[in-house]
Amino acid sequence: MTTTAMTSMTQALDSADFVLFEGVVFETEYLRVPDEDIRADDVVLEARRGEDEISLTFEEIDAAEPLGEGAFRLKNGALLRFLAQVTLH
């Protein structure tokens, strides 16, 4: 992943309350921002929607193509978008 793409992914991971994965919204349960110690099989994202769960490793997101506004196309073709909860006062 390029430095720009990794920065974009890091920012998106850091503020994600939810993820949209292949058109389905999941609530994030675990996020790990990639660092210099991360390995290909380390989990960077776990999310749940009722009984459904998703888990993505660093290898799965490493070659993701940034599409803008927190959206990424994974190397397997899946669409992943990070969403932050908005609070209005």
N, C-alpha and C. Protein backbone atom coordinates (compact mmCIF):
# COMPACT_ATOMS: atom_id res chain seq x y z
N MET A 1 0.86 -1.18 0.00
CA MET A 1 0.00 0.00 0.00
C MET A 1 0.89 1.23 0.00
N THR A 2 0.55 2.22 -0.78
CA THR A 2 1.33 3.45 -0.82
C THR A 2 1.18 4.21 0.48
N THR A 3 2.10 5.13 0.73
CA THR A 3 2.06 5.92 1.96
C THR A 3 0.76 6.72 2.03
N THR A 4 0.33 7.29 0.92
CA THR A 4 -0.92 8.07 0.89
C THR A 4 -2.12 7.18 1.19
N ALA A 5 -2.15 6.01 0.59
CA ALA A 5 -3.26 5.08 0.83
C ALA A 5 -3.27 4.62 2.28
N MET A 6 -2.08 4.33 2.84
CA MET A 6 -1.99 3.88 4.23
C MET A 6 -2.45 4.99 5.17
N THR A 7 -2.08 6.23 4.89
CA THR A 7 -2.52 7.36 5.71
C THR A 7 -4.04 7.48 5.66
N SER A 8 -4.60 7.34 4.48
CA SER A 8 -6.05 7.40 4.31
C SER A 8 -6.73 6.27 5.08
N MET A 9 -6.19 5.06 4.99
CA MET A 9 -6.73 3.92 5.70
C MET A 9 -6.60 4.11 7.21
N THR A 10 -5.47 4.59 7.67
CA THR A 10 -5.24 4.82 9.10
C THR A 10 -6.24 5.83 9.65
N GLN A 11 -6.47 6.91 8.95
CA GLN A 11 -7.44 7.92 9.38
C GLN A 11 -8.85 7.34 9.43
N ALA A 12 -9.21 6.55 8.42
CA ALA A 12 -10.54 5.95 8.37
C ALA A 12 -10.72 4.95 9.50
N LEU A 13 -9.72 4.10 9.74
CA LEU A 13 -9.78 3.12 10.82
C LEU A 13 -9.90 3.78 12.18
N ASP A 14 -9.16 4.85 12.35
CA ASP A 14 -9.08 5.53 13.64
C ASP A 14 -10.43 6.11 14.10
N SER A 15 -11.28 6.47 13.16
CA SER A 15 -12.54 7.12 13.54
C SER A 15 -13.79 6.32 13.18
N ALA A 16 -13.64 5.05 12.86
CA ALA A 16 -14.78 4.25 12.39
C ALA A 16 -15.60 3.68 13.54
N ASP A 17 -16.87 4.03 13.56
CA ASP A 17 -17.82 3.43 14.50
C ASP A 17 -18.56 2.29 13.81
N PHE A 18 -18.68 2.42 12.49
CA PHE A 18 -19.38 1.43 11.67
C PHE A 18 -18.59 1.22 10.39
N VAL A 19 -18.83 0.10 9.73
CA VAL A 19 -18.28 -0.14 8.39
C VAL A 19 -19.40 -0.61 7.49
N LEU A 20 -19.33 -0.18 6.26
CA LEU A 20 -20.24 -0.65 5.22
C LEU A 20 -19.42 -1.63 4.39
N PHE A 21 -19.79 -2.91 4.45
CA PHE A 21 -19.05 -3.95 3.75
C PHE A 21 -20.00 -4.64 2.80
N GLU A 22 -19.73 -4.47 1.50
CA GLU A 22 -20.56 -5.07 0.46
C GLU A 22 -22.04 -4.73 0.64
N GLY A 23 -22.30 -3.46 0.99
CA GLY A 23 -23.67 -2.97 1.08
C GLY A 23 -24.37 -3.22 2.41
N VAL A 24 -23.68 -3.80 3.38
CA VAL A 24 -24.28 -4.09 4.68
C VAL A 24 -23.51 -3.33 5.77
N VAL A 25 -24.24 -2.65 6.67
CA VAL A 25 -23.61 -1.88 7.74
C VAL A 25 -23.37 -2.78 8.95
N PHE A 26 -22.14 -2.76 9.45
CA PHE A 26 -21.73 -3.50 10.64
C PHE A 26 -21.21 -2.51 11.67
N GLU A 27 -21.39 -2.81 12.95
CA GLU A 27 -20.83 -1.99 14.02
C GLU A 27 -19.45 -2.53 14.37
N THR A 28 -18.47 -1.65 14.41
CA THR A 28 -17.11 -2.10 14.70
C THR A 28 -17.00 -2.52 16.15
N GLU A 29 -16.26 -3.60 16.37
CA GLU A 29 -15.99 -4.09 17.72
C GLU A 29 -14.51 -4.02 18.05
N TYR A 30 -13.67 -4.17 17.03
CA TYR A 30 -12.22 -4.13 17.23
C TYR A 30 -11.59 -3.49 16.01
N LEU A 31 -10.69 -2.56 16.25
CA LEU A 31 -9.93 -1.91 15.18
C LEU A 31 -8.47 -1.85 15.60
N ARG A 32 -7.59 -2.16 14.68
CA ARG A 32 -6.16 -2.01 14.92
C ARG A 32 -5.57 -1.20 13.78
N VAL A 33 -5.05 -0.06 14.11
CA VAL A 33 -4.40 0.77 13.12
C VAL A 33 -3.05 0.13 12.81
N PRO A 34 -2.78 -0.17 11.54
CA PRO A 34 -1.50 -0.81 11.18
C PRO A 34 -0.31 0.02 11.62
N ASP A 35 0.71 -0.66 12.14
CA ASP A 35 1.95 -0.02 12.54
C ASP A 35 3.11 -0.83 12.00
N GLU A 36 4.32 -0.48 12.42
CA GLU A 36 5.50 -1.16 11.87
C GLU A 36 5.63 -2.62 12.33
N ASP A 37 4.89 -3.02 13.35
CA ASP A 37 4.97 -4.39 13.87
C ASP A 37 3.88 -5.32 13.32
N ILE A 38 3.01 -4.81 12.47
CA ILE A 38 1.88 -5.62 12.00
C ILE A 38 2.33 -6.69 11.01
N ARG A 39 1.67 -7.84 11.10
CA ARG A 39 1.94 -8.95 10.18
C ARG A 39 0.73 -9.17 9.28
N ALA A 40 0.94 -9.89 8.21
CA ALA A 40 -0.11 -10.11 7.22
C ALA A 40 -1.35 -10.76 7.83
N ASP A 41 -1.19 -11.68 8.77
CA ASP A 41 -2.34 -12.39 9.33
C ASP A 41 -2.93 -11.75 10.58
N ASP A 42 -2.45 -10.56 10.95
CA ASP A 42 -3.02 -9.84 12.10
C ASP A 42 -4.38 -9.26 11.73
N VAL A 43 -5.34 -9.41 12.61
CA VAL A 43 -6.68 -8.86 12.40
C VAL A 43 -6.63 -7.35 12.64
N VAL A 44 -7.18 -6.59 11.70
CA VAL A 44 -7.25 -5.13 11.85
C VAL A 44 -8.68 -4.64 12.05
N LEU A 45 -9.65 -5.49 11.73
CA LEU A 45 -11.04 -5.08 11.86
C LEU A 45 -11.92 -6.27 12.19
N GLU A 46 -12.73 -6.10 13.23
CA GLU A 46 -13.80 -7.04 13.54
C GLU A 46 -15.06 -6.21 13.71
N ALA A 47 -16.14 -6.65 13.09
CA ALA A 47 -17.40 -5.92 13.18
C ALA A 47 -18.56 -6.91 13.20
N ARG A 48 -19.69 -6.46 13.76
CA ARG A 48 -20.84 -7.35 13.94
C ARG A 48 -22.12 -6.64 13.55
N ARG A 49 -23.04 -7.44 13.05
CA ARG A 49 -24.42 -7.00 12.79
C ARG A 49 -25.31 -8.15 13.21
N GLY A 50 -25.89 -8.05 14.40
CA GLY A 50 -26.67 -9.15 14.94
C GLY A 50 -25.79 -10.38 15.10
N GLU A 51 -26.16 -11.46 14.46
CA GLU A 51 -25.37 -12.70 14.52
C GLU A 51 -24.26 -12.75 13.47
N ASP A 52 -24.29 -11.82 12.52
CA ASP A 52 -23.29 -11.80 11.45
C ASP A 52 -22.04 -11.06 11.90
N GLU A 53 -20.88 -11.61 11.58
CA GLU A 53 -19.60 -10.99 11.91
C GLU A 53 -18.70 -10.96 10.70
N ILE A 54 -17.85 -9.95 10.64
CA ILE A 54 -16.79 -9.92 9.65
C ILE A 54 -15.47 -9.68 10.36
N SER A 55 -14.43 -10.16 9.77
CA SER A 55 -13.09 -10.00 10.30
C SER A 55 -12.16 -9.85 9.11
N LEU A 56 -11.33 -8.82 9.14
CA LEU A 56 -10.39 -8.58 8.04
C LEU A 56 -8.97 -8.51 8.59
N THR A 57 -8.05 -9.15 7.89
CA THR A 57 -6.65 -9.13 8.27
C THR A 57 -5.92 -8.02 7.53
N PHE A 58 -4.70 -7.76 7.97
CA PHE A 58 -3.89 -6.75 7.30
C PHE A 58 -3.64 -7.14 5.85
N GLU A 59 -3.42 -8.42 5.61
CA GLU A 59 -3.21 -8.88 4.23
C GLU A 59 -4.40 -8.55 3.33
N GLU A 60 -5.61 -8.64 3.87
CA GLU A 60 -6.81 -8.37 3.08
C GLU A 60 -6.99 -6.88 2.76
N ILE A 61 -6.51 -6.01 3.64
CA ILE A 61 -6.67 -4.57 3.40
C ILE A 61 -5.42 -3.91 2.85
N ASP A 62 -4.29 -4.61 2.89
CA ASP A 62 -3.00 -4.01 2.53
C ASP A 62 -2.98 -3.40 1.14
N ALA A 63 -3.54 -4.03 0.18
CA ALA A 63 -3.51 -3.52 -1.19
C ALA A 63 -4.82 -2.81 -1.57
N ALA A 64 -5.55 -2.33 -0.57
CA ALA A 64 -6.82 -1.66 -0.84
C ALA A 64 -6.61 -0.38 -1.63
N GLU A 65 -7.51 -0.13 -2.56
CA GLU A 65 -7.47 1.07 -3.38
C GLU A 65 -8.39 2.12 -2.77
N PRO A 66 -7.85 3.27 -2.35
CA PRO A 66 -8.71 4.31 -1.79
C PRO A 66 -9.61 4.91 -2.87
N LEU A 67 -10.90 5.03 -2.55
CA LEU A 67 -11.87 5.58 -3.48
C LEU A 67 -12.36 6.96 -3.04
N GLY A 68 -11.94 7.40 -1.86
CA GLY A 68 -12.34 8.69 -1.32
C GLY A 68 -13.42 8.55 -0.28
N GLU A 69 -13.49 9.53 0.62
CA GLU A 69 -14.51 9.61 1.66
C GLU A 69 -14.61 8.33 2.50
N GLY A 70 -13.46 7.75 2.86
CA GLY A 70 -13.44 6.58 3.71
C GLY A 70 -13.80 5.27 3.04
N ALA A 71 -13.86 5.27 1.71
CA ALA A 71 -14.21 4.06 0.96
C ALA A 71 -12.96 3.46 0.32
N PHE A 72 -12.91 2.12 0.30
CA PHE A 72 -11.77 1.41 -0.26
C PHE A 72 -12.26 0.18 -1.02
N ARG A 73 -11.58 -0.13 -2.10
CA ARG A 73 -11.82 -1.36 -2.85
C ARG A 73 -10.72 -2.32 -2.44
N LEU A 74 -11.10 -3.44 -1.80
CA LEU A 74 -10.12 -4.42 -1.37
C LEU A 74 -9.59 -5.19 -2.57
N LYS A 75 -8.45 -5.85 -2.40
CA LYS A 75 -7.84 -6.55 -3.54
C LYS A 75 -8.70 -7.69 -4.05
N ASN A 76 -9.64 -8.19 -3.22
CA ASN A 76 -10.56 -9.25 -3.68
C ASN A 76 -11.79 -8.66 -4.38
N GLY A 77 -11.84 -7.31 -4.49
CA GLY A 77 -12.93 -6.65 -5.18
C GLY A 77 -14.04 -6.14 -4.28
N ALA A 78 -14.03 -6.53 -3.01
CA ALA A 78 -15.08 -6.10 -2.08
C ALA A 78 -14.95 -4.60 -1.79
N LEU A 79 -16.09 -3.96 -1.55
CA LEU A 79 -16.13 -2.55 -1.22
C LEU A 79 -16.28 -2.40 0.29
N LEU A 80 -15.40 -1.60 0.88
CA LEU A 80 -15.38 -1.36 2.32
C LEU A 80 -15.39 0.14 2.54
N ARG A 81 -16.30 0.61 3.38
CA ARG A 81 -16.36 2.04 3.70
C ARG A 81 -16.46 2.21 5.20
N PHE A 82 -15.63 3.07 5.73
CA PHE A 82 -15.62 3.35 7.16
C PHE A 82 -16.55 4.52 7.44
N LEU A 83 -17.37 4.36 8.47
CA LEU A 83 -18.37 5.38 8.81
C LEU A 83 -18.21 5.79 10.27
N ALA A 84 -18.30 7.07 10.53
CA ALA A 84 -18.22 7.59 11.89
C ALA A 84 -19.60 8.05 12.32
N GLN A 85 -19.90 7.82 13.58
CA GLN A 85 -21.17 8.25 14.13
C GLN A 85 -21.13 9.76 14.29
N VAL A 86 -22.19 10.42 13.90
CA VAL A 86 -22.27 11.87 13.98
C VAL A 86 -23.20 12.24 15.11
N THR A 87 -22.75 13.18 15.94
CA THR A 87 -23.58 13.67 17.03
C THR A 87 -23.98 15.10 16.71
N LEU A 88 -25.28 15.36 16.71
CA LEU A 88 -25.77 16.72 16.46
C LEU A 88 -26.25 17.30 17.78
N HIS A 89 -25.92 18.56 17.99
CA HIS A 89 -26.37 19.25 19.20
C HIS A 89 -27.37 20.31 18.83
